[in-house]
Protein backbone atom coordinates (compact mmCIF):
# COMPACT_ATOMS: atom_id res chain seq x y z
CA UNK A 1 154.27 116.86 45.45
CA UNK A 2 157.92 117.66 45.64
CA UNK A 3 160.52 117.45 42.52
CA UNK A 4 163.70 116.36 44.16
CA UNK A 5 165.89 116.13 40.88
CA UNK A 6 165.79 118.99 38.43
CA UNK A 7 167.54 117.15 35.41
CA UNK A 8 164.87 117.89 32.34
CA UNK A 9 164.59 114.43 31.22
CA UNK A 10 165.12 112.48 34.58
CA UNK A 11 163.58 113.34 37.97
CA UNK A 12 162.66 112.20 41.39
CA UNK A 13 159.29 112.87 42.49
CA UNK A 14 157.84 111.99 45.96
CA UNK A 15 154.19 112.47 46.80
CA UNK A 16 151.50 111.17 48.95
CA UNK A 17 151.56 107.62 46.91
CA UNK A 18 155.23 107.03 46.78
CA UNK A 19 158.73 107.94 45.17
CA UNK A 20 158.85 108.15 41.34
CA UNK A 21 162.29 107.77 39.42
CA UNK A 22 162.03 108.57 35.58
CA UNK A 23 160.68 111.26 32.92
CA UNK A 24 158.41 113.90 33.86
CA UNK A 25 156.64 116.06 31.46
CA UNK A 26 155.01 119.16 32.48
CA UNK A 27 155.61 118.18 35.90
CA UNK A 28 153.86 114.60 35.66
CA UNK A 29 154.85 111.46 35.22
CA UNK A 30 155.31 111.05 31.17
CA UNK A 31 157.53 108.61 29.70
CA UNK A 32 159.45 105.76 30.82
CA UNK A 33 160.02 105.32 35.11
CA UNK A 34 159.41 103.44 38.29
CA UNK A 35 157.07 104.00 40.82
CA UNK A 36 157.80 102.60 44.50
CA UNK A 37 154.38 102.64 46.16
CA UNK A 38 154.46 103.14 49.75
CA UNK A 39 152.17 99.96 50.24
CA UNK A 40 155.66 98.16 48.61
CA UNK A 41 154.28 97.70 45.01
CA UNK A 42 156.65 98.51 41.97
CA UNK A 43 155.30 99.50 38.54
CA UNK A 44 158.15 99.98 36.12
CA UNK A 45 157.39 100.95 32.62
CA UNK A 46 155.62 103.82 30.29
CA UNK A 47 153.61 106.59 32.02
CA UNK A 48 151.01 108.96 30.27
CA UNK A 49 149.84 112.12 32.56
CA UNK A 50 150.45 110.40 35.56
CA UNK A 51 149.10 107.00 34.75
CA UNK A 52 150.81 103.78 33.91
CA UNK A 53 149.96 103.37 30.30
CA UNK A 54 152.00 101.32 27.65
CA UNK A 55 154.03 98.16 28.61
CA UNK A 56 154.90 97.85 31.98
CA UNK A 57 155.36 95.57 34.79
CA UNK A 58 153.45 95.51 38.30
CA UNK A 59 155.07 94.00 41.35
CA UNK A 60 152.65 93.16 44.38
CA UNK A 61 153.38 90.79 47.10
CA UNK A 62 150.72 88.62 45.59
CA UNK A 63 152.58 88.15 42.39
CA UNK A 64 153.48 90.22 39.03
CA UNK A 65 151.83 91.39 35.91
CA UNK A 66 153.65 92.25 32.89
CA UNK A 67 152.23 93.75 30.08
CA UNK A 68 149.93 96.62 28.40
CA UNK A 69 148.26 99.38 30.75
CA UNK A 70 145.80 101.77 30.15
CA UNK A 71 145.27 104.87 32.24
CA UNK A 72 146.26 103.09 35.32
CA UNK A 73 145.00 99.55 34.87
CA UNK A 74 145.60 96.11 33.26
CA UNK A 75 144.29 95.92 30.12
CA UNK A 76 145.07 93.84 26.85
CA UNK A 77 147.81 91.50 26.58
CA UNK A 78 149.74 90.38 29.48
CA UNK A 79 151.27 87.57 32.02
CA UNK A 80 150.40 87.41 35.43
CA UNK A 81 152.81 85.39 37.45
CA UNK A 82 151.73 84.03 40.90
């Protein structure tokens, strides 16, 4: 993991999964941020301990999902657009 920005609230992190731009706590994605995955997917929303966690939107080439995430997975209420 390479931290490309050193602002205490907002940082840019590049690792093997892609590029993250957003809040970081203890060198982990935590708070509000955007992740641009190497495969082309995008996630924007809440993060906790390096996982999408809370309310967010995941955009893939098959559609987009807006709703709740828990520990990196869709969970609870949400809407999937095809």
